[in-house]
Amino acid sequence: MSYRMVLTPRLLGWVVASTLVRLPVAMAAMAMVFLGRGSAGGYTEGGTLAAVYVVGEVVGSGLLGTLLPPHRMRLNLVAGIAVGAVGFGVVFADPHAPTAVLGIGAFVAGAAPAVAPGALRSVLTGSVAEADLPEALSADSVLTELIWMAAPGVVVLLALRVSARAPLGLCAASMAGAALAALGLRALRPDAEESRPRRPAARVLVSGWPIYVTAAAAMSLSAVAELDLPPLLQSRHAAVGLAGVLLVAFGALSTLGSFLYGLRTWPGSARRHSMLFLAATAGAVSVEALVPDLPGIVAGFLLAGCLQPVVMITRGLSLRSALPDEAQTAAYSLMYSIQGIGYSITAAVAAVLVDHVSAGAAILTGVAICAALGAVSAVGERISGFSERASGLGETRPAADATPDRQKANSPSNAHLPDGATS
């Protein structure tokens, strides 16, 4: 099935809800920095609010995504997004309020909607046939990259042309719209909740830990590649302003990489693809740090932008294959939290190192962290037997458990699909 499946009436509500809930997430950190720029607290207060927001995301996705009852997922999703809109509204309403009040608003804005990534991912994967999962997750990645590519420009335009708090107003309004859109998601309507699925056992969620570690490894590369880019350019005697252009190009190539991966099926399992492209991305980031001239930096950075989204897509396919359906929402949320931790820790290490060693050395330290996490993930698979379980998940399900779409997906005509495309 082509990418047109995402624009069908069945999934159009998902596209609207996903776009509206992701735009504030992509805007939030920069919006809070610009809010601080226009207040007495300056950039320090803005950076503090952005950090508090990220902490809220990590805490919310780790706790809410795993502890909330699955049979009330529709209520959880709508309520979480609505409360997130209130959090953004608090920061927007009075930017001169005490920092503690603004911090609470920022934390709530990050934590309350953190259940949304897992819930919306489950809506998407539950609404398409198993054979169409690579295309669906690629379309999801394309949508994400487009939003993240547009968000910085939207923040800058509103902050400089309207007011410093205007981006936060848009974040609050977008979250409120997302809550309304989530009310209409077919996969989360009450008739789909009457079966009252049980909360997945902790051991089931923990069994997917090699995939979570891969997610953290991928985000460690993002942290050093993006945050150390300006000092790297400066150390190579290039214009620091080029970082903005390269980040836009990075987003564009990430969109292209996501699109190309989803155009066809590929030999091998999604898990193998994930590890292969993780290694390739680490190699590209290493080139960025080691080559002394500007063309090397540009080539390594942009190549990493093209390769990394495949890691993002395939880890989702791997998780879908490795865990039962009832664990998907909680697992996606848990992975989102762990990848945030991986990004934050590596970013903190890189920030400390860049003041004491060269920017290239700081980037290579991030690559080393990625390599260590990748090795832990690979060894964990072998010790736990995870890879053997995942490799057997390409088998068809019993007909009694399959919907008509999934029966079609598991028919002999789809036997050429890669391991990661079915569950």
Protein backbone atom coordinates (compact mmCIF):
# COMPACT_ATOMS: atom_id res chain seq x y z
CA MET A 1 0.00 0.00 0.00
CA SER A 2 1.26 3.49 -0.83
CA TYR A 3 1.57 6.55 1.39
CA ARG A 4 -1.92 7.57 0.23
CA MET A 5 -3.33 5.25 2.89
CA VAL A 6 -2.49 7.85 5.54
CA LEU A 7 -4.77 10.38 3.83
CA THR A 8 -7.81 8.12 3.87
CA PRO A 9 -10.80 9.19 6.03
CA ARG A 10 -9.95 6.37 8.42
CA LEU A 11 -6.58 7.90 9.30
CA LEU A 12 -7.20 11.59 8.57
CA GLY A 13 -8.22 12.17 12.20
CA TRP A 14 -4.93 10.60 13.30
CA VAL A 15 -2.99 12.94 10.99
CA VAL A 16 -4.78 15.99 12.42
CA ALA A 17 -4.35 14.90 16.05
CA SER A 18 -0.70 13.93 15.54
CA THR A 19 0.15 17.20 13.81
CA LEU A 20 -1.54 19.36 16.43
CA VAL A 21 0.02 17.53 19.38
CA ARG A 22 3.53 17.40 17.89
CA LEU A 23 3.78 21.03 16.82
CA PRO A 24 3.88 22.32 20.44
CA VAL A 25 6.42 19.64 21.36
CA ALA A 26 8.69 20.76 18.51
CA MET A 27 8.22 24.45 19.38
CA ALA A 28 8.30 24.33 23.17
CA ALA A 29 12.02 24.53 24.03
CA MET A 30 12.82 27.32 21.58
CA ALA A 31 9.59 29.14 22.44
CA MET A 32 10.57 29.20 26.12
CA VAL A 33 14.06 30.45 25.27
CA PHE A 34 12.53 33.34 23.31
CA LEU A 35 10.11 33.98 26.16
CA GLY A 36 13.09 34.38 28.49
CA ARG A 37 14.77 36.67 25.96
CA GLY A 38 11.89 39.10 26.28
CA SER A 39 11.70 39.01 30.09
CA ALA A 40 13.81 40.21 32.98
CA GLY A 41 15.14 36.69 33.53
CA GLY A 42 16.81 36.68 30.12
CA TYR A 43 18.12 33.61 28.32
CA THR A 44 18.94 31.94 31.64
CA GLU A 45 15.28 31.81 32.67
CA GLY A 46 14.22 30.71 29.19
CA GLY A 47 16.80 27.91 29.17
CA THR A 48 15.73 26.82 32.64
CA LEU A 49 12.07 26.62 31.57
CA ALA A 50 13.07 24.62 28.48
CA ALA A 51 15.02 22.17 30.67
CA VAL A 52 12.09 21.82 33.07
CA TYR A 53 9.81 21.12 30.12
CA VAL A 54 12.09 18.32 28.89
CA VAL A 55 12.24 16.84 32.41
CA GLY A 56 8.46 16.89 32.44
CA GLU A 57 8.40 14.99 29.14
CA VAL A 58 10.76 12.32 30.46
CA VAL A 59 8.89 11.88 33.76
CA GLY A 60 5.46 11.96 32.14
CA SER A 61 6.23 9.46 29.40
CA GLY A 62 7.91 7.09 31.84
CA LEU A 63 5.14 7.17 34.47
CA LEU A 64 1.88 8.04 32.72
CA GLY A 65 2.56 5.88 29.67
CA THR A 66 3.12 2.78 31.79
CA LEU A 67 0.79 3.29 34.77
CA LEU A 68 -2.45 4.62 33.26
CA PRO A 69 -5.13 1.93 32.67
CA PRO A 70 -5.16 0.81 29.00
CA HIS A 71 -8.93 0.40 28.85
CA ARG A 72 -9.32 4.15 29.41
CA MET A 73 -6.75 5.18 26.84
CA ARG A 74 -9.12 7.52 25.03
CA LEU A 75 -9.87 9.39 28.24
CA ASN A 76 -6.20 9.37 29.23
CA LEU A 77 -5.13 10.78 25.88
CA VAL A 78 -7.72 13.55 25.70
CA ALA A 79 -7.29 14.55 29.34
CA GLY A 80 -3.48 14.54 29.12
CA ILE A 81 -3.43 16.73 26.02
CA ALA A 82 -6.01 19.11 27.54
CA VAL A 83 -3.98 19.48 30.75
CA GLY A 84 -0.89 20.08 28.61
CA ALA A 85 -2.75 22.94 26.91
CA VAL A 86 -3.42 24.41 30.36
CA GLY A 87 0.28 24.13 31.23
CA PHE A 88 1.25 26.06 28.10
CA GLY A 89 -1.53 28.53 28.88
CA VAL A 90 -0.06 29.24 32.32
CA VAL A 91 3.32 30.16 30.81
CA PHE A 92 1.64 32.19 28.05
CA ALA A 93 -0.77 34.06 30.32
CA ASP A 94 1.80 35.83 32.50
CA PRO A 95 5.43 35.60 31.37
CA HIS A 96 6.39 37.89 34.27
CA ALA A 97 5.03 35.50 36.91
CA PRO A 98 7.47 34.05 39.46
CA THR A 99 9.87 31.56 37.95
CA ALA A 100 8.45 28.79 40.17
CA VAL A 101 4.97 29.32 38.70
CA LEU A 102 6.30 29.34 35.15
CA GLY A 103 8.34 26.22 35.95
CA ILE A 104 5.24 24.38 37.15
CA GLY A 105 3.44 25.36 33.96
CA ALA A 106 6.38 24.19 31.83
CA PHE A 107 6.63 20.89 33.70
CA VAL A 108 2.89 20.20 33.31
CA ALA A 109 3.04 21.17 29.63
CA GLY A 110 5.75 18.54 29.12
CA ALA A 111 4.47 15.80 31.41
CA ALA A 112 0.70 15.71 30.90
CA PRO A 113 0.64 15.07 27.11
CA ALA A 114 3.53 12.60 27.32
CA VAL A 115 1.10 9.69 26.96
CA ALA A 116 0.24 10.96 23.45
CA PRO A 117 3.24 9.55 21.50
CA GLY A 118 2.56 6.00 22.64
CA ALA A 119 -1.21 6.23 22.28
CA LEU A 120 -1.10 7.80 18.83
CA ARG A 121 1.52 5.33 17.64
CA SER A 122 -0.73 2.50 18.81
CA VAL A 123 -3.69 4.06 16.96
CA LEU A 124 -1.65 4.13 13.76
CA THR A 125 -0.23 0.61 13.99
CA GLY A 126 -3.63 -0.75 15.02
CA SER A 127 -5.36 0.86 12.04
CA VAL A 128 -3.30 -0.66 9.22
CA ALA A 129 -2.52 -4.18 8.11
CA GLU A 130 0.70 -5.71 9.39
CA ALA A 131 2.14 -5.68 5.86
CA ASP A 132 1.69 -1.90 5.71
CA LEU A 133 3.50 -1.12 8.96
CA PRO A 134 6.79 -0.02 7.30
CA GLU A 135 4.93 2.48 5.10
CA ALA A 136 2.78 3.65 8.02
CA LEU A 137 5.73 4.21 10.35
CA SER A 138 7.69 5.86 7.55
CA ALA A 139 4.77 8.23 6.97
CA ASP A 140 4.73 8.88 10.73
CA SER A 141 8.43 9.72 10.60
CA VAL A 142 7.99 11.98 7.56
CA LEU A 143 5.23 13.89 9.37
CA THR A 144 7.43 14.26 12.46
CA GLU A 145 10.42 15.51 10.46
CA LEU A 146 8.30 18.04 8.57
CA ILE A 147 6.90 19.42 11.83
CA TRP A 148 10.33 19.66 13.45
CA MET A 149 11.72 21.30 10.34
CA ALA A 150 8.99 23.97 10.31
CA ALA A 151 8.79 24.60 14.07
CA PRO A 152 11.94 26.76 14.54
CA GLY A 153 10.87 29.12 11.77
CA VAL A 154 7.38 29.43 13.23
CA VAL A 155 8.82 30.26 16.67
CA VAL A 156 11.22 32.88 15.33
CA LEU A 157 8.58 34.49 13.13
CA LEU A 158 6.01 34.77 15.93
CA ALA A 159 8.51 35.83 18.60
CA LEU A 160 10.07 38.58 16.50
CA ARG A 161 7.04 39.78 14.52
CA VAL A 162 4.24 39.39 17.10
CA SER A 163 5.48 39.04 20.67
CA ALA A 164 7.85 36.95 22.79
CA ARG A 165 4.95 34.97 24.24
CA ALA A 166 3.07 34.41 20.96
CA PRO A 167 4.72 31.03 20.27
CA LEU A 168 3.48 29.77 23.66
CA GLY A 169 -0.02 30.94 22.75
CA LEU A 170 0.13 28.89 19.57
CA CYS A 171 1.38 25.89 21.59
CA ALA A 172 -1.60 26.16 23.96
CA ALA A 173 -4.09 26.54 21.10
CA SER A 174 -2.57 23.64 19.16
CA MET A 175 -2.75 21.36 22.21
CA ALA A 176 -6.39 22.31 22.77
CA GLY A 177 -7.15 21.50 19.13
CA ALA A 178 -5.34 18.17 19.48
CA ALA A 179 -7.55 17.26 22.44
CA LEU A 180 -10.66 17.89 20.34
CA ALA A 181 -9.23 15.89 17.42
CA ALA A 182 -8.39 12.98 19.73
CA LEU A 183 -12.05 12.74 20.74
CA GLY A 184 -12.88 11.55 17.25
CA LEU A 185 -10.20 8.90 16.82
CA ARG A 186 -12.03 5.75 15.79
CA ALA A 187 -9.51 3.38 17.34
CA LEU A 188 -10.09 4.95 20.76
CA ARG A 189 -13.88 5.19 20.80
CA PRO A 190 -15.75 3.62 23.73
CA ASP A 191 -16.84 0.55 21.77
CA ALA A 192 -13.15 -0.27 21.31
CA GLU A 193 -12.54 0.07 25.04
CA GLU A 194 -15.19 -2.32 26.32
CA SER A 195 -12.83 -5.28 26.17
CA ARG A 196 -10.92 -3.64 29.06
CA PRO A 197 -7.39 -4.78 28.14
CA ARG A 198 -5.21 -5.39 31.14
CA ARG A 199 -2.19 -3.28 31.99
CA PRO A 200 0.84 -5.16 30.63
CA ALA A 201 3.02 -6.88 33.20
CA ALA A 202 6.26 -5.11 34.03
CA ARG A 203 8.31 -8.09 32.86
CA VAL A 204 6.69 -7.84 29.41
CA LEU A 205 7.65 -4.19 29.09
CA VAL A 206 11.15 -4.82 30.41
CA SER A 207 11.68 -7.62 27.88
CA GLY A 208 11.98 -5.00 25.14
CA TRP A 209 14.90 -3.26 26.84
CA PRO A 210 17.44 -3.89 24.03
CA ILE A 211 15.24 -1.78 21.73
CA TYR A 212 14.95 0.98 24.34
CA VAL A 213 18.74 1.03 24.64
CA THR A 214 19.06 1.35 20.85
CA ALA A 215 16.68 4.34 21.02
CA ALA A 216 18.88 5.97 23.67
CA ALA A 217 21.95 5.31 21.52
CA ALA A 218 20.35 6.98 18.50
CA MET A 219 19.41 10.05 20.52
CA SER A 220 22.92 10.30 21.95
CA LEU A 221 24.12 10.82 18.38
CA SER A 222 21.47 13.49 17.81
CA ALA A 223 22.57 15.32 20.94
CA VAL A 224 26.23 15.68 19.99
CA ALA A 225 25.65 16.14 16.24
CA GLU A 226 23.24 19.03 16.76
CA LEU A 227 24.39 20.72 19.99
CA ASP A 228 28.12 20.63 19.21
CA LEU A 229 27.67 21.79 15.62
CA PRO A 230 28.07 25.55 16.32
CA PRO A 231 31.31 25.19 18.34
CA LEU A 232 32.61 22.73 15.74
CA LEU A 233 31.99 25.24 12.95
CA GLN A 234 33.69 27.94 15.00
CA SER A 235 36.72 25.73 15.63
CA ARG A 236 36.99 25.15 11.86
CA HIS A 237 36.85 28.93 11.26
CA ALA A 238 33.48 28.69 9.52
CA ALA A 239 30.47 30.96 10.04
CA VAL A 240 28.52 29.81 13.10
CA GLY A 241 25.32 31.00 11.40
CA LEU A 242 25.77 28.09 8.97
CA ALA A 243 24.51 25.83 11.77
CA GLY A 244 20.94 27.03 11.18
CA VAL A 245 21.13 26.24 7.48
CA LEU A 246 22.59 22.80 8.16
CA LEU A 247 19.90 22.01 10.73
CA VAL A 248 17.18 22.83 8.19
CA ALA A 249 18.96 20.67 5.61
CA PHE A 250 19.30 17.91 8.24
CA GLY A 251 15.54 17.96 8.72
CA ALA A 252 14.88 17.91 4.99
CA LEU A 253 17.19 14.92 4.46
CA SER A 254 15.64 13.14 7.44
CA THR A 255 12.26 13.54 5.75
CA LEU A 256 13.73 12.18 2.52
CA GLY A 257 15.35 9.22 4.30
CA SER A 258 12.08 8.33 6.01
CA PHE A 259 10.21 8.55 2.72
CA LEU A 260 12.67 6.41 0.78
CA TYR A 261 12.80 3.68 3.43
CA GLY A 262 9.03 3.33 3.36
CA LEU A 263 8.76 3.08 -0.43
CA ARG A 264 9.55 -0.64 -0.53
CA THR A 265 10.34 -3.68 1.57
CA TRP A 266 13.96 -4.46 2.35
CA PRO A 267 15.73 -7.78 2.97
CA GLY A 268 16.44 -8.67 6.58
CA SER A 269 14.64 -7.86 9.81
CA ALA A 270 13.80 -4.41 11.11
CA ARG A 271 16.06 -5.04 14.11
CA ARG A 272 19.04 -5.71 11.84
CA HIS A 273 18.24 -2.57 9.87
CA SER A 274 18.15 -0.61 13.12
CA MET A 275 21.61 -1.72 14.22
CA LEU A 276 23.08 -1.33 10.72
CA PHE A 277 21.82 2.22 10.28
CA LEU A 278 22.80 3.12 13.84
CA ALA A 279 26.38 2.10 13.03
CA ALA A 280 26.26 3.98 9.71
CA THR A 281 24.95 7.12 11.43
CA ALA A 282 27.71 6.90 14.04
CA GLY A 283 30.23 6.66 11.20
CA ALA A 284 28.80 9.76 9.52
CA VAL A 285 28.92 11.74 12.78
CA SER A 286 32.53 10.61 13.25
CA VAL A 287 33.39 11.97 9.79
CA GLU A 288 31.84 15.28 10.86
CA ALA A 289 34.19 15.41 13.85
CA LEU A 290 37.39 14.09 12.23
CA VAL A 291 37.58 15.76 8.82
CA PRO A 292 39.29 19.13 9.34
CA ASP A 293 37.64 21.17 6.58
CA LEU A 294 34.10 22.51 6.12
CA PRO A 295 33.06 20.12 3.30
CA GLY A 296 33.78 17.18 5.62
CA ILE A 297 31.60 18.65 8.38
CA VAL A 298 28.76 19.31 5.94
CA ALA A 299 29.00 15.87 4.32
CA GLY A 300 29.11 13.97 7.62
CA PHE A 301 26.29 15.98 9.20
CA LEU A 302 23.95 15.71 6.21
CA LEU A 303 24.68 12.01 5.70
CA ALA A 304 23.76 11.44 9.35
CA GLY A 305 20.51 13.31 8.71
CA CYS A 306 19.62 10.95 5.88
CA LEU A 307 20.49 7.76 7.82
CA GLN A 308 19.21 8.43 11.31
CA PRO A 309 15.44 8.42 10.59
CA VAL A 310 15.71 4.80 9.47
CA VAL A 311 16.88 3.95 13.01
CA MET A 312 13.79 5.73 14.35
CA ILE A 313 11.44 3.85 12.04
CA THR A 314 12.96 0.41 12.50
CA ARG A 315 13.06 0.58 16.27
CA GLY A 316 9.28 1.13 16.16
CA LEU A 317 8.88 -1.88 13.87
CA SER A 318 11.10 -3.94 16.18
CA LEU A 319 9.05 -3.01 19.21
CA ARG A 320 5.84 -3.81 17.39
CA SER A 321 7.21 -7.26 16.53
CA ALA A 322 8.70 -8.04 19.92
CA LEU A 323 5.85 -7.20 22.30
CA PRO A 324 2.16 -8.19 22.42
CA ASP A 325 -0.50 -5.71 21.28
CA GLU A 326 -1.63 -4.81 24.79
CA ALA A 327 1.89 -3.65 25.67
CA GLN A 328 2.41 -1.39 22.65
CA THR A 329 1.19 1.92 24.06
CA ALA A 330 3.11 1.59 27.33
CA ALA A 331 6.23 0.36 25.51
CA TYR A 332 6.24 3.28 23.08
CA SER A 333 5.90 5.71 25.97
CA LEU A 334 8.66 3.98 27.92
CA MET A 335 10.95 4.09 24.90
CA TYR A 336 10.17 7.79 24.41
CA SER A 337 11.20 8.42 28.01
CA ILE A 338 14.43 6.41 27.77
CA GLN A 339 15.48 8.06 24.52
CA GLY A 340 14.92 11.44 26.20
CA ILE A 341 17.20 10.34 29.02
CA GLY A 342 19.84 9.26 26.47
CA TYR A 343 19.64 12.64 24.75
CA SER A 344 19.78 14.61 27.99
CA ILE A 345 22.72 12.72 29.51
CA THR A 346 24.80 12.88 26.34
CA ALA A 347 23.95 16.56 25.84
CA ALA A 348 25.09 17.30 29.41
CA VAL A 349 28.35 15.39 28.91
CA ALA A 350 29.00 17.15 25.61
CA ALA A 351 28.24 20.56 27.15
CA VAL A 352 30.82 19.95 29.89
CA LEU A 353 33.45 18.55 27.53
CA VAL A 354 33.21 21.29 24.92
CA ASP A 355 34.62 23.79 27.44
CA HIS A 356 37.63 21.57 28.17
CA VAL A 357 38.42 19.74 24.94
CA SER A 358 37.84 20.40 21.25
CA ALA A 359 34.34 20.24 19.77
CA GLY A 360 35.46 17.28 17.65
CA ALA A 361 36.56 15.38 20.74
CA ALA A 362 33.24 16.12 22.41
CA ILE A 363 31.40 14.72 19.39
CA LEU A 364 33.55 11.59 19.35
CA THR A 365 32.75 11.09 23.04
CA GLY A 366 29.07 11.04 22.08
CA VAL A 367 29.84 8.50 19.35
CA ALA A 368 31.64 6.36 21.96
CA ILE A 369 28.58 6.53 24.23
CA CYS A 370 26.43 5.44 21.27
CA ALA A 371 28.79 2.54 20.52
CA ALA A 372 28.72 1.40 24.15
CA LEU A 373 24.92 1.49 24.25
CA GLY A 374 24.72 -0.35 20.92
CA ALA A 375 27.03 -3.06 22.23
CA VAL A 376 24.97 -3.42 25.41
CA SER A 377 21.84 -3.76 23.29
CA ALA A 378 23.37 -6.41 21.01
CA VAL A 379 24.76 -8.43 23.92
CA GLY A 380 21.45 -8.13 25.75
CA GLU A 381 19.65 -9.63 22.77
CA ARG A 382 21.87 -12.67 22.74
CA ILE A 383 21.82 -13.24 26.49
CA SER A 384 18.06 -12.88 26.85
CA GLY A 385 17.15 -14.68 23.63
CA PHE A 386 15.33 -11.53 22.53
CA SER A 387 16.53 -11.75 18.93
CA GLU A 388 15.31 -15.35 18.61
CA ARG A 389 11.84 -14.34 19.80
CA ALA A 390 11.75 -11.33 17.49
CA SER A 391 12.92 -13.32 14.47
CA GLY A 392 10.04 -15.72 14.88
CA LEU A 393 7.43 -13.03 14.93
CA GLY A 394 7.07 -12.97 11.19
CA GLU A 395 4.84 -16.03 11.45
CA THR A 396 1.16 -15.62 10.71
CA ARG A 397 -1.36 -15.34 13.50
CA PRO A 398 -4.19 -17.79 13.95
CA ALA A 399 -7.16 -16.83 11.79
CA ALA A 400 -9.37 -16.45 14.84
CA ASP A 401 -7.15 -13.63 16.10
CA ALA A 402 -6.82 -11.80 12.82
CA THR A 403 -8.93 -9.02 11.38
CA PRO A 404 -9.68 -9.23 7.64
CA ASP A 405 -6.88 -6.74 6.95
CA ARG A 406 -4.38 -8.78 8.93
CA GLN A 407 -5.49 -12.00 7.27
CA LYS A 408 -4.69 -10.37 3.96
CA ALA A 409 -1.37 -9.13 5.30
CA ASN A 410 -0.44 -12.65 6.35
CA SER A 411 -1.50 -14.33 3.13
CA PRO A 412 1.05 -16.27 1.01
CA SER A 413 1.21 -13.35 -1.46
CA ASN A 414 2.97 -11.34 1.24
CA ALA A 415 5.52 -14.00 2.12
CA HIS A 416 8.36 -11.85 0.72
CA LEU A 417 7.99 -9.26 3.47
CA PRO A 418 10.94 -8.66 5.80
CA ASP A 419 10.83 -10.05 9.30
CA GLY A 420 10.12 -6.68 10.84
CA ALA A 421 7.04 -6.03 8.66
CA THR A 422 4.78 -8.52 10.34
CA SER A 423 4.05 -9.51 13.88
